[in-house]
């Protein structure tokens, strides 16, 4: 075949869509979607973690509107923060109202000192970045605790390449306004977003798979002969290709190449990431929260909880509610997985999200081995070396773990488009 596309997640499907012809797709799982899949059971719909569509890119907006059409509805963002055993509005940097008075004081004074500190040096790590822009109050009470929970590493180990628009940079006036009273100001990178009315994010994947060549499922790759351009699968079958587009995580694809040089193996061994254990719970009560999702920076095992039934009424049976808790772990912060469901239920009850009287109608657990790339000082140079090596053998990588980047949904779609264009250009 001309082009072998490895992986039928959102990026791989996007690559196929933009190639249009002369390709075949191979997926190791029994269904398409990757991280954009959905679980459907007993009237509940749970995505593989929260996925929202808030892109301002005109091309992506048209792309998704064409796929989902009338199944796409718009919502106003409503996010919360659970700190100091109470609920605050998110983002916390402009919504201090409701926090303990001493904490508010520390955050505001620390911010003012940081802004006017003429001796401060340009930050190199995320730890320094937090202190540089927000001061010790915000950093110690909000930013550092949450960073350790989601990224599983000390903020001193992280660079700042991933931040972009993800953290709001407020003015002192905005901070004070949100400290004196509950503000209605929508100061966040997500103000409105769109979400499928029915079917969760898998409805988007279904719309995309209908427009491309059928996917070969259950095709787990065990070996790639980069010189012969040959891929061997676990079932004993093999294919030859001229070019390939891979969405496989970089550490995994290198394992499939027996003759990868030592320098490449050394580079891939320096890449780090976290994993996420997702606990989905359906209960017989719909009024679980005023928020669509909530961030947690305390001793709870989860760093974020979101409510699919607050995104669409069709994500839960009538009168029922859906809650999803995300727990990050890695070799730097291991967790006892077998204890996480019980602990999560207890913490959701102590926070007041679940009640002792709630009856659980559905429950399952999803374990995502690759969840988020961790940005450290080795990432950039190692990724460049790995991708250049694979390109020498006509393998173009893309997607969150092919690019080894913190990509949102719209960026993943564009990453697949870019890979398709790169392959087409090199073929020409």
Protein backbone atom coordinates (compact mmCIF):
# COMPACT_ATOMS: atom_id res chain seq x y z
CA UNK A 1 0.00 0.00 0.00
CA UNK A 2 1.08 3.61 -0.33
CA UNK A 3 0.44 4.82 3.25
CA UNK A 4 -0.11 2.78 6.40
CA UNK A 5 -1.82 4.76 9.17
CA UNK A 6 -1.03 3.30 12.59
CA UNK A 7 -3.76 4.06 15.08
CA UNK A 8 -7.43 4.97 14.62
CA UNK A 9 -7.72 7.61 17.29
CA UNK A 10 -8.85 11.13 16.47
CA UNK A 11 -5.50 12.07 14.91
CA UNK A 12 -5.15 8.90 12.83
CA UNK A 13 -8.69 9.26 11.51
CA UNK A 14 -8.01 12.92 10.72
CA UNK A 15 -4.91 11.90 8.77
CA UNK A 16 -6.95 9.39 6.78
CA UNK A 17 -9.69 11.93 6.11
CA UNK A 18 -7.17 14.43 4.76
CA UNK A 19 -5.25 11.87 2.69
CA UNK A 20 -8.50 10.84 0.98
CA UNK A 21 -7.00 7.82 -0.82
CA UNK A 22 -4.11 5.33 -1.08
CA UNK A 23 -4.03 4.45 2.63
CA UNK A 24 -5.08 1.74 5.06
CA UNK A 25 -5.65 2.16 8.81
CA UNK A 26 -4.55 -0.34 11.44
CA UNK A 27 -5.86 -0.17 15.00
CA UNK A 28 -4.73 -2.38 17.90
CA UNK A 29 -8.07 -2.09 19.72
CA UNK A 30 -11.45 -3.47 18.66
CA UNK A 31 -12.88 0.01 18.08
CA UNK A 32 -11.78 3.42 16.84
CA UNK A 33 -11.43 6.60 18.87
CA UNK A 34 -8.44 6.21 21.16
CA UNK A 35 -8.85 8.75 23.98
CA UNK A 36 -12.03 10.05 22.30
CA UNK A 37 -14.04 6.89 22.91
CA UNK A 38 -17.17 6.67 25.04
CA UNK A 39 -18.60 4.03 27.36
CA UNK A 40 -22.35 3.46 26.99
CA UNK A 41 -24.17 1.31 29.53
CA UNK A 42 -27.49 1.34 31.40
CA UNK A 43 -28.48 4.65 29.83
CA UNK A 44 -25.22 6.40 30.83
CA UNK A 45 -22.58 7.83 28.49
CA UNK A 46 -19.06 8.38 29.80
CA UNK A 47 -16.23 9.65 27.61
CA UNK A 48 -12.69 8.46 28.23
CA UNK A 49 -12.14 11.54 30.36
CA UNK A 50 -13.60 15.00 29.67
CA UNK A 51 -13.53 16.21 26.06
CA UNK A 52 -14.92 19.59 25.04
CA UNK A 53 -14.96 21.40 21.73
CA UNK A 54 -14.00 25.06 22.18
CA UNK A 55 -11.73 25.68 19.22
CA UNK A 56 -11.55 29.14 17.68
CA UNK A 57 -9.87 27.74 14.57
CA UNK A 58 -12.26 28.29 11.64
CA UNK A 59 -11.13 25.15 9.81
CA UNK A 60 -11.64 22.89 12.84
CA UNK A 61 -14.98 24.49 13.65
CA UNK A 62 -16.28 23.77 10.15
CA UNK A 63 -14.76 20.27 10.25
CA UNK A 64 -16.58 19.33 13.47
CA UNK A 65 -19.80 21.11 12.55
CA UNK A 66 -19.90 19.09 9.32
CA UNK A 67 -19.37 15.85 11.25
CA UNK A 68 -21.89 16.41 14.04
CA UNK A 69 -24.38 18.82 12.46
CA UNK A 70 -27.50 19.13 14.65
CA UNK A 71 -26.02 16.80 17.27
CA UNK A 72 -23.79 19.61 18.50
CA UNK A 73 -25.08 22.01 21.15
CA UNK A 74 -23.39 24.95 22.87
CA UNK A 75 -22.98 25.46 26.62
CA UNK A 76 -21.65 28.21 28.83
CA UNK A 77 -18.64 27.08 30.83
CA UNK A 78 -19.10 26.50 34.56
CA UNK A 79 -16.05 25.20 36.41
CA UNK A 80 -15.37 24.89 40.12
CA UNK A 81 -12.42 24.52 42.48
CA UNK A 82 -12.53 22.51 45.72
CA UNK A 83 -10.01 23.95 48.17
CA UNK A 84 -9.96 24.29 51.96
CA UNK A 85 -12.97 21.93 52.16
CA UNK A 86 -15.20 24.31 50.25
CA UNK A 87 -16.25 25.01 46.68
CA UNK A 88 -14.94 28.09 44.85
CA UNK A 89 -15.44 29.21 41.29
CA UNK A 90 -12.66 28.46 38.83
CA UNK A 91 -10.19 29.85 37.91
CA UNK A 92 -9.08 30.44 41.50
CA UNK A 93 -6.78 33.34 40.60
CA UNK A 94 -9.80 35.59 39.95
CA UNK A 95 -12.25 33.78 42.24
CA UNK A 96 -10.78 33.91 45.75
CA UNK A 97 -14.14 34.81 47.27
CA UNK A 98 -15.17 32.11 49.74
CA UNK A 99 -11.61 31.06 50.63
CA UNK A 100 -10.35 31.66 54.20
CA UNK A 101 -9.53 35.33 54.78
CA UNK A 102 -5.88 34.62 55.61
CA UNK A 103 -5.47 32.70 52.36
CA UNK A 104 -6.98 35.56 50.35
CA UNK A 105 -4.62 37.97 52.06
CA UNK A 106 -1.55 35.82 51.34
CA UNK A 107 -2.50 35.40 47.68
CA UNK A 108 -3.13 39.09 47.01
CA UNK A 109 -0.04 40.35 48.88
CA UNK A 110 2.11 37.65 47.26
CA UNK A 111 0.83 38.62 43.83
CA UNK A 112 1.60 42.32 44.39
CA UNK A 113 5.10 41.51 45.66
CA UNK A 114 5.77 39.23 42.67
CA UNK A 115 4.59 41.81 40.14
CA UNK A 116 6.76 44.56 41.63
CA UNK A 117 9.87 42.47 42.37
CA UNK A 118 12.55 44.08 40.22
CA UNK A 119 15.14 41.46 41.19
CA UNK A 120 13.33 38.41 39.88
CA UNK A 121 14.88 36.39 37.07
CA UNK A 122 13.15 34.98 34.03
CA UNK A 123 11.69 31.60 35.09
CA UNK A 124 13.13 28.37 33.70
CA UNK A 125 10.92 25.86 35.51
CA UNK A 126 7.19 25.75 36.17
CA UNK A 127 7.96 26.17 39.88
CA UNK A 128 9.75 29.44 39.15
CA UNK A 129 7.05 30.51 36.69
CA UNK A 130 4.32 30.24 39.34
CA UNK A 131 6.27 32.36 41.81
CA UNK A 132 7.30 34.82 39.09
CA UNK A 133 3.77 35.55 37.90
CA UNK A 134 1.60 34.87 40.96
CA UNK A 135 3.72 34.96 44.12
CA UNK A 136 3.99 32.58 47.07
CA UNK A 137 0.34 32.68 48.20
CA UNK A 138 -1.19 31.44 44.95
CA UNK A 139 1.73 29.10 44.29
CA UNK A 140 1.76 27.38 47.69
CA UNK A 141 -1.99 27.16 48.23
CA UNK A 142 -3.23 26.36 44.74
CA UNK A 143 -0.69 25.89 41.97
CA UNK A 144 1.93 23.61 43.51
CA UNK A 145 -0.51 21.16 45.17
CA UNK A 146 -2.54 20.77 41.99
CA UNK A 147 0.54 20.44 39.77
CA UNK A 148 1.87 17.58 41.89
CA UNK A 149 -1.48 15.79 41.69
CA UNK A 150 -1.96 15.95 37.93
CA UNK A 151 1.63 15.87 36.69
CA UNK A 152 2.86 13.54 39.47
CA UNK A 153 6.25 15.27 39.57
CA UNK A 154 7.68 18.25 41.44
CA UNK A 155 7.02 21.51 39.52
CA UNK A 156 10.78 22.13 39.67
CA UNK A 157 11.19 19.25 37.22
CA UNK A 158 8.86 20.79 34.62
CA UNK A 159 9.48 23.39 31.95
CA UNK A 160 6.91 25.98 30.86
CA UNK A 161 6.50 24.92 27.19
CA UNK A 162 3.03 23.48 27.80
CA UNK A 163 1.33 26.50 29.42
CA UNK A 164 0.23 28.61 26.47
CA UNK A 165 -3.30 29.93 27.17
CA UNK A 166 -4.09 27.30 29.80
CA UNK A 167 -3.46 29.57 32.79
CA UNK A 168 -5.21 32.94 32.92
CA UNK A 169 -3.00 35.98 33.56
CA UNK A 170 -5.24 38.38 35.53
CA UNK A 171 -4.86 42.02 36.50
CA UNK A 172 -4.86 43.18 40.12
CA UNK A 173 -8.27 44.75 39.55
CA UNK A 174 -9.69 41.40 38.41
CA UNK A 175 -8.14 39.61 41.40
CA UNK A 176 -9.63 42.11 43.85
CA UNK A 177 -13.03 42.00 42.19
CA UNK A 178 -13.13 38.21 42.55
CA UNK A 179 -11.91 38.35 46.15
CA UNK A 180 -14.55 40.76 47.51
CA UNK A 181 -17.60 39.03 46.05
CA UNK A 182 -18.61 36.10 43.88
CA UNK A 183 -17.89 37.35 40.39
CA UNK A 184 -19.82 36.53 37.25
CA UNK A 185 -16.81 37.43 35.09
CA UNK A 186 -15.87 34.60 32.69
CA UNK A 187 -12.10 34.90 32.82
CA UNK A 188 -10.97 31.53 31.54
CA UNK A 189 -9.61 30.01 28.35
CA UNK A 190 -12.93 28.15 28.05
CA UNK A 191 -15.93 30.50 28.21
CA UNK A 192 -18.32 28.60 25.95
CA UNK A 193 -17.93 25.21 24.34
CA UNK A 194 -19.82 22.68 22.27
CA UNK A 195 -20.57 19.07 23.06
CA UNK A 196 -22.55 16.29 21.32
CA UNK A 197 -26.15 16.18 22.47
CA UNK A 198 -26.31 12.40 22.05
CA UNK A 199 -23.68 9.69 22.11
CA UNK A 200 -20.79 11.54 23.75
CA UNK A 201 -17.54 12.05 21.86
CA UNK A 202 -17.85 8.66 20.21
CA UNK A 203 -20.53 10.23 17.99
CA UNK A 204 -17.80 12.41 16.48
CA UNK A 205 -15.62 9.34 15.88
CA UNK A 206 -18.57 7.51 14.30
CA UNK A 207 -19.14 10.43 11.94
CA UNK A 208 -15.47 10.42 10.97
CA UNK A 209 -15.15 6.67 10.40
CA UNK A 210 -18.11 6.82 8.00
CA UNK A 211 -16.11 9.11 5.74
CA UNK A 212 -12.95 7.04 5.43
CA UNK A 213 -11.81 3.60 4.31
CA UNK A 214 -12.80 0.88 6.80
CA UNK A 215 -10.37 0.37 9.67
CA UNK A 216 -8.51 -2.91 10.28
CA UNK A 217 -9.18 -3.62 13.96
CA UNK A 218 -7.34 -5.84 16.47
CA UNK A 219 -4.10 -5.35 14.56
CA UNK A 220 -1.50 -5.05 17.28
CA UNK A 221 1.96 -4.38 15.87
CA UNK A 222 4.82 -6.52 17.17
CA UNK A 223 7.60 -5.53 14.77
CA UNK A 224 8.48 -2.84 12.25
CA UNK A 225 11.30 -3.54 9.80
CA UNK A 226 12.18 0.04 8.88
CA UNK A 227 14.57 -0.97 6.10
CA UNK A 228 12.16 -3.31 4.33
CA UNK A 229 9.16 -1.08 5.16
CA UNK A 230 7.43 -4.11 6.66
CA UNK A 231 5.00 -4.25 9.60
CA UNK A 232 4.24 -7.53 11.36
CA UNK A 233 1.16 -7.97 13.54
CA UNK A 234 0.52 -10.23 16.52
CA UNK A 235 -1.74 -12.48 14.47
CA UNK A 236 1.16 -13.38 12.20
CA UNK A 237 0.08 -11.25 9.25
CA UNK A 238 2.28 -8.55 7.77
CA UNK A 239 2.13 -5.70 5.29
CA UNK A 240 4.56 -3.67 3.22
CA UNK A 241 4.18 0.08 2.93
CA UNK A 242 5.82 2.98 1.13
CA UNK A 243 5.18 5.54 3.86
CA UNK A 244 3.56 5.43 7.29
CA UNK A 245 1.76 7.84 9.60
CA UNK A 246 2.05 6.80 13.23
CA UNK A 247 0.02 7.96 16.22
CA UNK A 248 1.61 5.29 18.40
CA UNK A 249 3.34 6.70 21.51
CA UNK A 250 7.01 7.26 20.74
CA UNK A 251 8.24 4.88 23.48
CA UNK A 252 6.03 2.11 22.09
CA UNK A 253 6.95 2.45 18.43
CA UNK A 254 10.67 2.39 19.25
CA UNK A 255 10.10 -0.94 21.06
CA UNK A 256 8.70 -2.30 17.78
CA UNK A 257 11.89 -1.49 15.88
CA UNK A 258 14.53 -4.11 16.83
CA UNK A 259 17.38 -2.37 15.04
CA UNK A 260 16.80 1.11 16.48
CA UNK A 261 20.24 2.48 17.43
CA UNK A 262 21.30 2.95 21.06
CA UNK A 263 21.06 6.74 20.81
CA UNK A 264 17.37 6.44 19.87
CA UNK A 265 16.66 4.04 22.73
CA UNK A 266 18.45 6.41 25.08
CA UNK A 267 16.34 9.32 23.84
CA UNK A 268 13.05 7.47 24.23
CA UNK A 269 13.99 6.34 27.74
CA UNK A 270 14.21 10.00 28.78
CA UNK A 271 10.60 10.74 27.81
CA UNK A 272 8.21 10.80 30.74
CA UNK A 273 4.42 10.83 30.97
CA UNK A 274 1.66 10.16 33.45
CA UNK A 275 -1.23 7.71 33.41
CA UNK A 276 -4.80 8.32 34.50
CA UNK A 277 -7.23 6.02 36.25
CA UNK A 278 -10.79 7.10 35.40
CA UNK A 279 -13.60 6.09 37.75
CA UNK A 280 -17.11 6.49 36.29
CA UNK A 281 -20.13 6.43 38.56
CA UNK A 282 -23.83 6.67 37.73
CA UNK A 283 -26.26 7.40 40.58
CA UNK A 284 -30.01 7.76 41.01
CA UNK A 285 -29.90 11.54 41.57
CA UNK A 286 -29.42 14.27 38.98
CA UNK A 287 -28.49 17.35 41.07
CA UNK A 288 -24.89 16.36 41.74
CA UNK A 289 -23.26 19.76 41.18
CA UNK A 290 -23.85 23.25 39.82
CA UNK A 291 -20.55 22.88 37.94
CA UNK A 292 -19.64 20.91 34.81
CA UNK A 293 -16.25 20.03 36.23
CA UNK A 294 -14.31 20.70 39.45
CA UNK A 295 -10.56 20.79 40.20
CA UNK A 296 -9.28 19.30 43.47
CA UNK A 297 -5.96 20.22 45.08
CA UNK A 298 -6.34 18.59 48.52
CA UNK A 299 -5.74 15.05 49.79
CA UNK A 300 -8.34 13.53 47.49
CA UNK A 301 -6.88 10.91 45.13
CA UNK A 302 -8.46 12.61 42.11
CA UNK A 303 -7.31 15.90 40.59
CA UNK A 304 -10.53 16.57 38.69
CA UNK A 305 -14.16 15.48 38.70
CA UNK A 306 -16.57 16.17 35.89
CA UNK A 307 -20.26 15.55 35.35
CA UNK A 308 -21.27 14.18 31.92
CA UNK A 309 -24.94 14.62 32.81
CA UNK A 310 -24.31 18.37 33.09
CA UNK A 311 -22.99 18.38 29.51
CA UNK A 312 -26.02 16.66 28.01
CA UNK A 313 -29.24 15.34 29.50
CA UNK A 314 -28.79 12.29 27.30
CA UNK A 315 -25.62 11.23 29.16
CA UNK A 316 -27.72 9.77 31.97
CA UNK A 317 -31.21 8.29 32.38
CA UNK A 318 -33.94 10.68 33.48
CA UNK A 319 -33.55 11.54 37.18
CA UNK A 320 -30.03 10.11 37.31
CA UNK A 321 -26.60 11.75 37.34
CA UNK A 322 -23.13 10.85 36.10
CA UNK A 323 -19.83 11.69 37.77
CA UNK A 324 -16.31 10.91 36.55
CA UNK A 325 -13.18 11.15 38.73
CA UNK A 326 -9.64 11.26 37.29
CA UNK A 327 -6.63 10.01 39.24
CA UNK A 328 -3.14 10.63 37.86
CA UNK A 329 -0.27 8.27 38.60
CA UNK A 330 3.21 7.42 37.33
CA UNK A 331 6.44 5.86 38.52
CA UNK A 332 7.01 9.13 40.34
CA UNK A 333 3.63 8.91 42.12
CA UNK A 334 2.30 5.36 42.18
CA UNK A 335 -1.20 4.56 43.45
CA UNK A 336 -2.81 1.41 44.80
CA UNK A 337 -5.36 0.97 42.04
CA UNK A 338 -7.42 -1.62 43.87
CA UNK A 339 -8.12 0.91 46.64
CA UNK A 340 -8.99 3.88 44.45
CA UNK A 341 -12.68 3.15 43.86
CA UNK A 342 -13.50 2.91 47.56
CA UNK A 343 -11.37 5.93 48.41
CA UNK A 344 -12.93 7.95 45.59
CA UNK A 345 -16.45 7.17 46.78
CA UNK A 346 -15.56 8.19 50.35
CA UNK A 347 -13.97 11.47 49.22
CA UNK A 348 -16.86 12.32 46.89
CA UNK A 349 -19.19 11.87 49.86
CA UNK A 350 -17.05 13.93 52.23
CA UNK A 351 -17.02 16.75 49.65
CA UNK A 352 -20.81 16.57 49.44
CA UNK A 353 -20.96 15.52 45.79
CA UNK A 354 -22.38 12.12 46.64
CA UNK A 355 -24.74 11.37 49.51
CA UNK A 356 -24.94 8.28 51.69
CA UNK A 357 -28.45 7.74 50.37
CA UNK A 358 -27.37 7.73 46.69
CA UNK A 359 -27.84 4.41 44.94
CA UNK A 360 -25.12 3.50 42.46
CA UNK A 361 -26.64 2.41 39.16
CA UNK A 362 -23.45 1.99 37.15
CA UNK A 363 -19.73 1.95 37.85
CA UNK A 364 -16.62 1.17 35.84
CA UNK A 365 -12.92 1.97 35.69
CA UNK A 366 -10.77 2.94 32.70
CA UNK A 367 -6.99 2.82 32.97
CA UNK A 368 -5.19 5.08 30.47
CA UNK A 369 -1.51 4.13 30.30
CA UNK A 370 -0.68 7.24 28.26
CA UNK A 371 -2.61 10.30 29.45
CA UNK A 372 -0.44 13.45 29.54
CA UNK A 373 3.07 14.19 28.35
CA UNK A 374 5.27 15.61 31.12
CA UNK A 375 7.36 18.52 29.91
CA UNK A 376 10.89 18.41 31.32
CA UNK A 377 14.26 19.66 30.13
CA UNK A 378 14.92 16.57 27.99
CA UNK A 379 11.62 16.48 26.11
CA UNK A 380 12.28 18.89 23.25
CA UNK A 381 15.65 17.59 22.09
CA UNK A 382 14.70 13.92 22.55
CA UNK A 383 11.45 14.28 20.61
CA UNK A 384 13.23 16.06 17.77
CA UNK A 385 15.84 13.29 17.58
CA UNK A 386 13.20 10.53 17.60
CA UNK A 387 10.95 12.10 14.98
CA UNK A 388 13.88 12.86 12.67
CA UNK A 389 15.03 9.25 12.98
CA UNK A 390 11.58 7.91 12.05
CA UNK A 391 11.27 10.37 9.15
CA UNK A 392 14.47 8.95 7.66
CA UNK A 393 12.49 5.75 7.17
CA UNK A 394 9.34 7.53 5.92
CA UNK A 395 7.40 7.32 9.18
CA UNK A 396 5.65 10.60 10.02
CA UNK A 397 4.45 10.85 13.63
CA UNK A 398 1.49 12.87 14.86
CA UNK A 399 -1.04 13.18 17.68
CA UNK A 400 -0.56 13.73 21.39
CA UNK A 401 1.93 10.90 21.78
CA UNK A 402 3.35 10.89 18.27
CA UNK A 403 4.15 14.60 18.56
CA UNK A 404 4.74 14.01 22.30
CA UNK A 405 2.88 17.21 23.08
CA UNK A 406 -0.04 18.51 25.13
CA UNK A 407 -2.60 18.63 22.34
CA UNK A 408 -6.23 19.60 22.71
CA UNK A 409 -8.85 17.97 20.48
CA UNK A 410 -8.65 20.62 17.77
CA UNK A 411 -4.86 20.45 17.79
CA UNK A 412 -5.03 16.66 17.38
CA UNK A 413 -7.23 17.07 14.31
CA UNK A 414 -4.78 19.57 12.84
CA UNK A 415 -1.84 17.31 13.71
CA UNK A 416 -3.37 14.54 11.59
CA UNK A 417 -3.97 17.03 8.78
CA UNK A 418 -0.36 18.19 8.98
CA UNK A 419 0.94 14.62 8.82
CA UNK A 420 -1.19 13.88 5.78
CA UNK A 421 0.12 16.99 4.03
CA UNK A 422 3.72 16.11 4.95
CA UNK A 423 3.33 12.63 3.48
CA UNK A 424 1.69 13.98 0.34
CA UNK A 425 4.39 16.62 -0.11
CA UNK A 426 7.24 14.15 0.31
CA UNK A 427 5.55 11.77 -2.13
CA UNK A 428 5.36 14.54 -4.70
